[in-house]
Amino acid sequence: MFTGIVEQTGKVVKIEKEKGNIHFTIEVPFGIELKVDQSMCHDGVCLTVVKVIPKKNQYVVTAIDETLKKTNLGTWKPGYEVNLERSMKMEGRIDGHIVQGHVDQTAKCISVTEADGSWIYVFEYDPKKGNITVEKGSISVNGVSLTVVDSTPKTFSVAIIPFTYEVTNFHNFKKGSVVNIEFDVIGKYVAKLLESYGIVPKKK
C-alpha cells in the first residue's frame, strides 16, 4: 500500500529480457536500505525487489507479461527517470491518498500548459475500460497522488506545483507522453456496486 507521495526519482541502468519477463536494474540513493521481497512503487506500479546491489545503490525488480501489457514499463530505456515510493508505514500519515500500485490503464498526455508558476497537464484515457474521474477527486499518475481539476468522460487535468514538477518525473512529460494511471480505489468500489444493482451499465 502506498500514498502517492514520491520519495525520490531513480534511474534505470540496465534492462534484461527473460522470456516474457523484463528485469529492471534501478539506481537510487536509498538503494542500500532496500531488502529482497520489499514492495516498491515504480511510476505507480507495485513491484517486488528481487535483488539488491548495495555497493552501487542499485536493486532489481521483475515485470511480468501482464504488467507490461497494462503499463508503460515496456517503453522504458536505460537512463529513464522513474518515480519511486516505498510502501507506507502503518504509523505514518497518509499525505496523499490510498494507492495500491495496481495500474488500471495507461493514458496519453495531450497538453501541457504553464500557468504562472505551475503547470496544467491534460491526459486522455480509454473510458470503455470502465474507469471514471471526478472533479476534486483523487488519481494517481505515474505513482503521484493528485487532485483532478477538470473531468470529462475521457480526459482529466491536474495542476502541478513547482516542488512536484522538480521532484518527480513530471518535468519530462510532454504532449504524447504515455503514463500509468490508477483510479481512486474507493470510486472503483462504488462503480462496481452501482453495476451490481443495475444503476449503471456494466463495462464491456
C-alpha atoms as a PDB file:
ATOM      1  CA  MET A   1       0.000   0.000   0.000  1.00  0.00           C
ATOM      2  CA  PHE A   2       1.270   3.465  -0.925  1.00  0.00           C
ATOM      3  CA  THR A   3       0.242   7.090  -0.533  1.00  0.00           C
ATOM      4  CA  GLY A   4       1.245   8.580  -3.879  1.00  0.00           C
ATOM      5  CA  ILE A   5       3.889  10.811  -2.305  1.00  0.00           C
ATOM      6  CA  VAL A   6       7.036  10.169  -4.358  1.00  0.00           C
ATOM      7  CA  GLU A   7      10.170   9.840  -2.210  1.00  0.00           C
ATOM      8  CA  GLN A   8      12.697  10.271  -4.958  1.00  0.00           C
ATOM      9  CA  THR A   9      13.336   9.503  -8.606  1.00  0.00           C
ATOM     10  CA  GLY A  10      15.641   6.676  -9.592  1.00  0.00           C
ATOM     11  CA  LYS A  11      17.389   5.808 -12.839  1.00  0.00           C
ATOM     12  CA  VAL A  12      17.004   2.662 -14.907  1.00  0.00           C
ATOM     13  CA  VAL A  13      20.564   1.472 -15.504  1.00  0.00           C
ATOM     14  CA  LYS A  14      20.023  -1.983 -17.009  1.00  0.00           C
ATOM     15  CA  ILE A  15      17.241  -3.898 -18.759  1.00  0.00           C
ATOM     16  CA  GLU A  16      17.299  -7.660 -19.271  1.00  0.00           C
ATOM     17  CA  LYS A  17      14.631  -9.707 -21.056  1.00  0.00           C
ATOM     18  CA  GLU A  18      13.893 -13.278 -20.000  1.00  0.00           C
ATOM     19  CA  LYS A  19      11.118 -14.956 -21.992  1.00  0.00           C
ATOM     20  CA  GLY A  20       8.006 -12.826 -21.333  1.00  0.00           C
ATOM     21  CA  ASN A  21       9.537 -11.003 -18.358  1.00  0.00           C
ATOM     22  CA  ILE A  22      11.795  -7.968 -18.080  1.00  0.00           C
ATOM     23  CA  HIS A  23      14.286  -7.413 -15.252  1.00  0.00           C
ATOM     24  CA  PHE A  24      14.988  -3.751 -14.464  1.00  0.00           C
ATOM     25  CA  THR A  25      18.065  -2.661 -12.524  1.00  0.00           C
ATOM     26  CA  ILE A  26      17.414   0.678 -10.870  1.00  0.00           C
ATOM     27  CA  GLU A  27      19.783   3.055  -9.087  1.00  0.00           C
ATOM     28  CA  VAL A  28      18.600   5.309  -6.262  1.00  0.00           C
ATOM     29  CA  PRO A  29      20.412   6.860  -3.265  1.00  0.00           C
ATOM     30  CA  PHE A  30      18.413   4.809  -0.746  1.00  0.00           C
ATOM     31  CA  GLY A  31      19.127   1.577  -2.642  1.00  0.00           C
ATOM     32  CA  ILE A  32      21.439   0.369   0.126  1.00  0.00           C
ATOM     33  CA  GLU A  33      18.479   0.405   2.549  1.00  0.00           C
ATOM     34  CA  LEU A  34      16.324  -1.956   0.490  1.00  0.00           C
ATOM     35  CA  LYS A  35      15.723  -5.659   1.112  1.00  0.00           C
ATOM     36  CA  VAL A  36      14.731  -8.557  -1.099  1.00  0.00           C
ATOM     37  CA  ASP A  37      10.928  -9.149  -1.115  1.00  0.00           C
ATOM     38  CA  GLN A  38      10.250  -5.484  -0.325  1.00  0.00           C
ATOM     39  CA  SER A  39       7.431  -3.796  -2.271  1.00  0.00           C
ATOM     40  CA  MET A  40       8.227  -0.618  -4.188  1.00  0.00           C
ATOM     41  CA  CYS A  41       6.051   1.655  -6.294  1.00  0.00           C
ATOM     42  CA  HIS A  42       7.599   2.451  -9.708  1.00  0.00           C
ATOM     43  CA  ASP A  43       5.712   5.093 -11.691  1.00  0.00           C
ATOM     44  CA  GLY A  44       2.625   3.807  -9.911  1.00  0.00           C
ATOM     45  CA  VAL A  45       3.398   0.103 -10.418  1.00  0.00           C
ATOM     46  CA  CYS A  46       3.952  -2.112  -7.385  1.00  0.00           C
ATOM     47  CA  LEU A  47       6.971  -4.355  -7.999  1.00  0.00           C
ATOM     48  CA  THR A  48       8.921  -6.649  -5.687  1.00  0.00           C
ATOM     49  CA  VAL A  49      12.641  -6.194  -5.076  1.00  0.00           C
ATOM     50  CA  VAL A  50      14.300  -9.463  -6.165  1.00  0.00           C
ATOM     51  CA  LYS A  51      17.945  -8.456  -5.771  1.00  0.00           C
ATOM     52  CA  VAL A  52      19.896  -5.700  -4.024  1.00  0.00           C
ATOM     53  CA  ILE A  53      23.344  -4.431  -5.094  1.00  0.00           C
ATOM     54  CA  PRO A  54      24.259  -2.292  -2.041  1.00  0.00           C
ATOM     55  CA  LYS A  55      27.710  -1.169  -3.233  1.00  0.00           C
ATOM     56  CA  LYS A  56      26.109   0.516  -6.242  1.00  0.00           C
ATOM     57  CA  ASN A  57      22.884   1.656  -4.544  1.00  0.00           C
ATOM     58  CA  GLN A  58      21.049  -0.493  -7.067  1.00  0.00           C
ATOM     59  CA  TYR A  59      18.310  -3.099  -6.962  1.00  0.00           C
ATOM     60  CA  VAL A  60      16.444  -5.325  -9.407  1.00  0.00           C
ATOM     61  CA  VAL A  61      12.710  -5.781  -9.989  1.00  0.00           C
ATOM     62  CA  THR A  62      10.888  -8.009 -12.461  1.00  0.00           C
ATOM     63  CA  ALA A  63       7.862  -7.077 -14.560  1.00  0.00           C
ATOM     64  CA  ILE A  64       5.826  -9.995 -15.928  1.00  0.00           C
ATOM     65  CA  ASP A  65       3.925 -10.013 -19.215  1.00  0.00           C
ATOM     66  CA  GLU A  66       0.599  -8.985 -17.611  1.00  0.00           C
ATOM     67  CA  THR A  67       2.233  -5.912 -16.046  1.00  0.00           C
ATOM     68  CA  LEU A  68       3.916  -4.980 -19.299  1.00  0.00           C
ATOM     69  CA  LYS A  69       0.585  -5.110 -21.146  1.00  0.00           C
ATOM     70  CA  LYS A  70      -1.210  -2.751 -18.742  1.00  0.00           C
ATOM     71  CA  THR A  71       1.563  -0.222 -18.077  1.00  0.00           C
ATOM     72  CA  ASN A  72       4.221   1.824 -19.849  1.00  0.00           C
ATOM     73  CA  LEU A  73       7.114  -0.244 -18.441  1.00  0.00           C
ATOM     74  CA  GLY A  74       7.741  -1.840 -21.813  1.00  0.00           C
ATOM     75  CA  THR A  75       8.779   1.560 -23.167  1.00  0.00           C
ATOM     76  CA  TRP A  76      11.464   2.177 -20.523  1.00  0.00           C
ATOM     77  CA  LYS A  77      15.049   2.558 -21.712  1.00  0.00           C
ATOM     78  CA  PRO A  78      18.349   2.773 -19.794  1.00  0.00           C
ATOM     79  CA  GLY A  79      18.543   6.276 -18.318  1.00  0.00           C
ATOM     80  CA  TYR A  80      14.780   6.560 -17.833  1.00  0.00           C
ATOM     81  CA  GLU A  81      13.861   8.551 -14.728  1.00  0.00           C
ATOM     82  CA  VAL A  82      11.284   6.718 -12.591  1.00  0.00           C
ATOM     83  CA  ASN A  83       9.171   7.900  -9.632  1.00  0.00           C
ATOM     84  CA  LEU A  84       9.810   5.763  -6.536  1.00  0.00           C
ATOM     85  CA  GLU A  85       7.953   5.256  -3.273  1.00  0.00           C
ATOM     86  CA  ARG A  86       8.483   2.625  -0.612  1.00  0.00           C
ATOM     87  CA  SER A  87       5.384   1.087   0.983  1.00  0.00           C
ATOM     88  CA  MET A  88       3.731   3.169   3.677  1.00  0.00           C
ATOM     89  CA  LYS A  89       4.261   2.580   7.394  1.00  0.00           C
ATOM     90  CA  MET A  90       1.084   1.948   9.367  1.00  0.00           C
ATOM     91  CA  GLU A  91       2.008   4.601  11.935  1.00  0.00           C
ATOM     92  CA  GLY A  92       2.609   7.229   9.264  1.00  0.00           C
ATOM     93  CA  ARG A  93       0.340   9.919   7.868  1.00  0.00           C
ATOM     94  CA  ILE A  94      -1.375   9.422   4.520  1.00  0.00           C
ATOM     95  CA  ASP A  95      -0.397  12.698   2.901  1.00  0.00           C
ATOM     96  CA  GLY A  96      -1.764  11.696  -0.498  1.00  0.00           C
ATOM     97  CA  HIS A  97      -4.475   9.044  -0.901  1.00  0.00           C
ATOM     98  CA  ILE A  98      -4.688   5.244  -0.879  1.00  0.00           C
ATOM     99  CA  VAL A  99      -2.608   3.981  -3.810  1.00  0.00           C
ATOM    100  CA  GLN A 100      -2.416   0.224  -4.330  1.00  0.00           C
ATOM    101  CA  GLY A 101       0.203   0.195  -7.053  1.00  0.00           C
ATOM    102  CA  HIS A 102      -2.223  -1.680  -9.320  1.00  0.00           C
ATOM    103  CA  VAL A 103      -2.306   0.285 -12.559  1.00  0.00           C
ATOM    104  CA  ASP A 104      -5.706   0.308 -14.292  1.00  0.00           C
ATOM    105  CA  GLN A 105      -4.540   1.534 -17.681  1.00  0.00           C
ATOM    106  CA  THR A 106      -2.233   3.975 -19.418  1.00  0.00           C
ATOM    107  CA  ALA A 107      -3.166   7.485 -20.530  1.00  0.00           C
ATOM    108  CA  LYS A 108      -1.658   9.908 -23.026  1.00  0.00           C
ATOM    109  CA  CYS A 109      -0.677  13.482 -22.233  1.00  0.00           C
ATOM    110  CA  ILE A 110      -2.498  15.695 -24.749  1.00  0.00           C
ATOM    111  CA  SER A 111      -1.390  19.094 -23.492  1.00  0.00           C
ATOM    112  CA  VAL A 112       0.976  20.855 -21.087  1.00  0.00           C
ATOM    113  CA  THR A 113       0.324  24.489 -20.215  1.00  0.00           C
ATOM    114  CA  GLU A 114       2.296  26.825 -17.974  1.00  0.00           C
ATOM    115  CA  ALA A 115       0.052  28.654 -15.527  1.00  0.00           C
ATOM    116  CA  ASP A 116       2.042  31.451 -13.884  1.00  0.00           C
ATOM    117  CA  GLY A 117       4.341  29.278 -11.770  1.00  0.00           C
ATOM    118  CA  SER A 118       2.518  25.969 -12.037  1.00  0.00           C
ATOM    119  CA  TRP A 119       1.673  23.571 -14.877  1.00  0.00           C
ATOM    120  CA  ILE A 120      -1.629  22.147 -16.106  1.00  0.00           C
ATOM    121  CA  TYR A 121      -1.455  18.689 -17.662  1.00  0.00           C
ATOM    122  CA  VAL A 122      -4.355  17.141 -19.562  1.00  0.00           C
ATOM    123  CA  PHE A 123      -4.476  13.371 -20.029  1.00  0.00           C
ATOM    124  CA  GLU A 124      -6.695  11.229 -22.246  1.00  0.00           C
ATOM    125  CA  TYR A 125      -7.678   7.648 -21.367  1.00  0.00           C
ATOM    126  CA  ASP A 126      -9.998   4.910 -22.645  1.00  0.00           C
ATOM    127  CA  PRO A 127     -13.371   5.179 -20.851  1.00  0.00           C
ATOM    128  CA  LYS A 128     -14.507   1.859 -22.356  1.00  0.00           C
ATOM    129  CA  LYS A 129     -12.461   0.139 -19.655  1.00  0.00           C
ATOM    130  CA  GLY A 130     -14.994   1.345 -17.092  1.00  0.00           C
ATOM    131  CA  ASN A 131     -12.922   3.963 -15.282  1.00  0.00           C
ATOM    132  CA  ILE A 132     -14.054   7.497 -14.480  1.00  0.00           C
ATOM    133  CA  THR A 133     -12.689  10.640 -12.872  1.00  0.00           C
ATOM    134  CA  VAL A 134     -14.497  13.316 -10.905  1.00  0.00           C
ATOM    135  CA  GLU A 135     -13.538  16.925 -10.286  1.00  0.00           C
ATOM    136  CA  LYS A 136     -11.728  17.328  -6.957  1.00  0.00           C
ATOM    137  CA  GLY A 137     -11.322  13.532  -6.773  1.00  0.00           C
ATOM    138  CA  SER A 138      -8.016  11.702  -6.361  1.00  0.00           C
ATOM    139  CA  ILE A 139      -5.986   9.990  -9.060  1.00  0.00           C
ATOM    140  CA  SER A 140      -2.501   8.502  -9.324  1.00  0.00           C
ATOM    141  CA  VAL A 141      -0.395   9.487 -12.350  1.00  0.00           C
ATOM    142  CA  ASN A 142       2.903   7.590 -12.557  1.00  0.00           C
ATOM    143  CA  GLY A 143       2.519   6.960  -8.834  1.00  0.00           C
ATOM    144  CA  VAL A 144       1.933  10.622  -7.925  1.00  0.00           C
ATOM    145  CA  SER A 145      -1.172  11.352  -5.844  1.00  0.00           C
ATOM    146  CA  LEU A 146      -3.005  14.240  -7.488  1.00  0.00           C
ATOM    147  CA  THR A 147      -6.348  16.039  -7.399  1.00  0.00           C
ATOM    148  CA  VAL A 148      -8.408  16.148 -10.582  1.00  0.00           C
ATOM    149  CA  VAL A 149      -9.026  19.734 -11.730  1.00  0.00           C
ATOM    150  CA  ASP A 150     -11.337  19.223 -14.702  1.00  0.00           C
ATOM    151  CA  SER A 151     -13.016  15.978 -15.775  1.00  0.00           C
ATOM    152  CA  THR A 152     -14.708  14.792 -18.981  1.00  0.00           C
ATOM    153  CA  PRO A 153     -15.806  11.257 -19.974  1.00  0.00           C
ATOM    154  CA  LYS A 154     -12.359  10.532 -21.429  1.00  0.00           C
ATOM    155  CA  THR A 155      -9.969  13.232 -20.164  1.00  0.00           C
ATOM    156  CA  PHE A 156      -8.879  14.852 -16.942  1.00  0.00           C
ATOM    157  CA  SER A 157      -6.482  17.596 -15.959  1.00  0.00           C
ATOM    158  CA  VAL A 158      -4.202  18.076 -12.973  1.00  0.00           C
ATOM    159  CA  ALA A 159      -2.254  21.071 -11.673  1.00  0.00           C
ATOM    160  CA  ILE A 160       1.405  20.548 -10.773  1.00  0.00           C
ATOM    161  CA  ILE A 161       3.222  22.807  -8.315  1.00  0.00           C
ATOM    162  CA  PRO A 162       6.953  23.568  -8.750  1.00  0.00           C
ATOM    163  CA  PHE A 163       8.007  21.132  -5.983  1.00  0.00           C
ATOM    164  CA  THR A 164       6.208  18.184  -7.605  1.00  0.00           C
ATOM    165  CA  TYR A 165       7.475  19.260 -11.027  1.00  0.00           C
ATOM    166  CA  GLU A 166      11.094  19.102  -9.851  1.00  0.00           C
ATOM    167  CA  VAL A 167      10.960  16.069  -7.509  1.00  0.00           C
ATOM    168  CA  THR A 168       9.039  13.705  -9.835  1.00  0.00           C
ATOM    169  CA  ASN A 169       9.405  12.834 -13.500  1.00  0.00           C
ATOM    170  CA  PHE A 170       6.617  15.249 -14.452  1.00  0.00           C
ATOM    171  CA  HIS A 171       9.292  17.618 -15.765  1.00  0.00           C
ATOM    172  CA  ASN A 172       9.943  15.070 -18.520  1.00  0.00           C
ATOM    173  CA  PHE A 173       6.324  14.851 -19.684  1.00  0.00           C
ATOM    174  CA  LYS A 174       5.316  16.416 -22.972  1.00  0.00           C
ATOM    175  CA  LYS A 175       2.470  16.079 -25.436  1.00  0.00           C
ATOM    176  CA  GLY A 176       2.291  12.403 -26.419  1.00  0.00           C
ATOM    177  CA  SER A 177       3.918  11.027 -23.246  1.00  0.00           C
ATOM    178  CA  VAL A 178       2.292   7.794 -22.011  1.00  0.00           C
ATOM    179  CA  VAL A 179       1.774   7.459 -18.261  1.00  0.00           C
ATOM    180  CA  ASN A 180       0.415   4.899 -15.803  1.00  0.00           C
ATOM    181  CA  ILE A 181      -2.966   5.638 -14.252  1.00  0.00           C
ATOM    182  CA  GLU A 182      -4.526   4.205 -11.100  1.00  0.00           C
ATOM    183  CA  PHE A 183      -8.043   5.476 -10.478  1.00  0.00           C
ATOM    184  CA  ASP A 184      -9.293   6.088  -6.944  1.00  0.00           C
ATOM    185  CA  VAL A 185      -9.935   2.708  -5.290  1.00  0.00           C
ATOM    186  CA  ILE A 186     -12.975   3.986  -3.392  1.00  0.00           C
ATOM    187  CA  GLY A 187     -14.509   5.243  -6.635  1.00  0.00           C
ATOM    188  CA  LYS A 188     -13.889   1.868  -8.273  1.00  0.00           C
ATOM    189  CA  TYR A 189     -15.736   0.040  -5.491  1.00  0.00           C
ATOM    190  CA  VAL A 190     -18.667   2.458  -5.730  1.00  0.00           C
ATOM    191  CA  ALA A 191     -18.833   1.972  -9.513  1.00  0.00           C
ATOM    192  CA  LYS A 192     -18.795  -1.814  -9.081  1.00  0.00           C
ATOM    193  CA  LEU A 193     -21.601  -1.615  -6.528  1.00  0.00           C
ATOM    194  CA  LEU A 194     -23.715   0.526  -8.852  1.00  0.00           C
ATOM    195  CA  GLU A 195     -23.138  -2.009 -11.639  1.00  0.00           C
ATOM    196  CA  SER A 196     -24.282  -4.885  -9.439  1.00  0.00           C
ATOM    197  CA  TYR A 197     -27.582  -3.072  -8.740  1.00  0.00           C
ATOM    198  CA  GLY A 198     -28.064  -2.209 -12.391  1.00  0.00           C
ATOM    199  CA  ILE A 199     -27.907   1.524 -11.735  1.00  0.00           C
ATOM    200  CA  VAL A 200     -25.158   1.930 -14.313  1.00  0.00           C
ATOM    201  CA  PRO A 201     -24.425  -0.408 -17.249  1.00  0.00           C
ATOM    202  CA  LYS A 202     -21.656  -2.947 -16.820  1.00  0.00           C
ATOM    203  CA  LYS A 203     -18.423  -2.224 -18.651  1.00  0.00           C
ATOM    204  CA  LYS A 204     -17.852  -4.224 -21.805  1.00  0.00           C
END
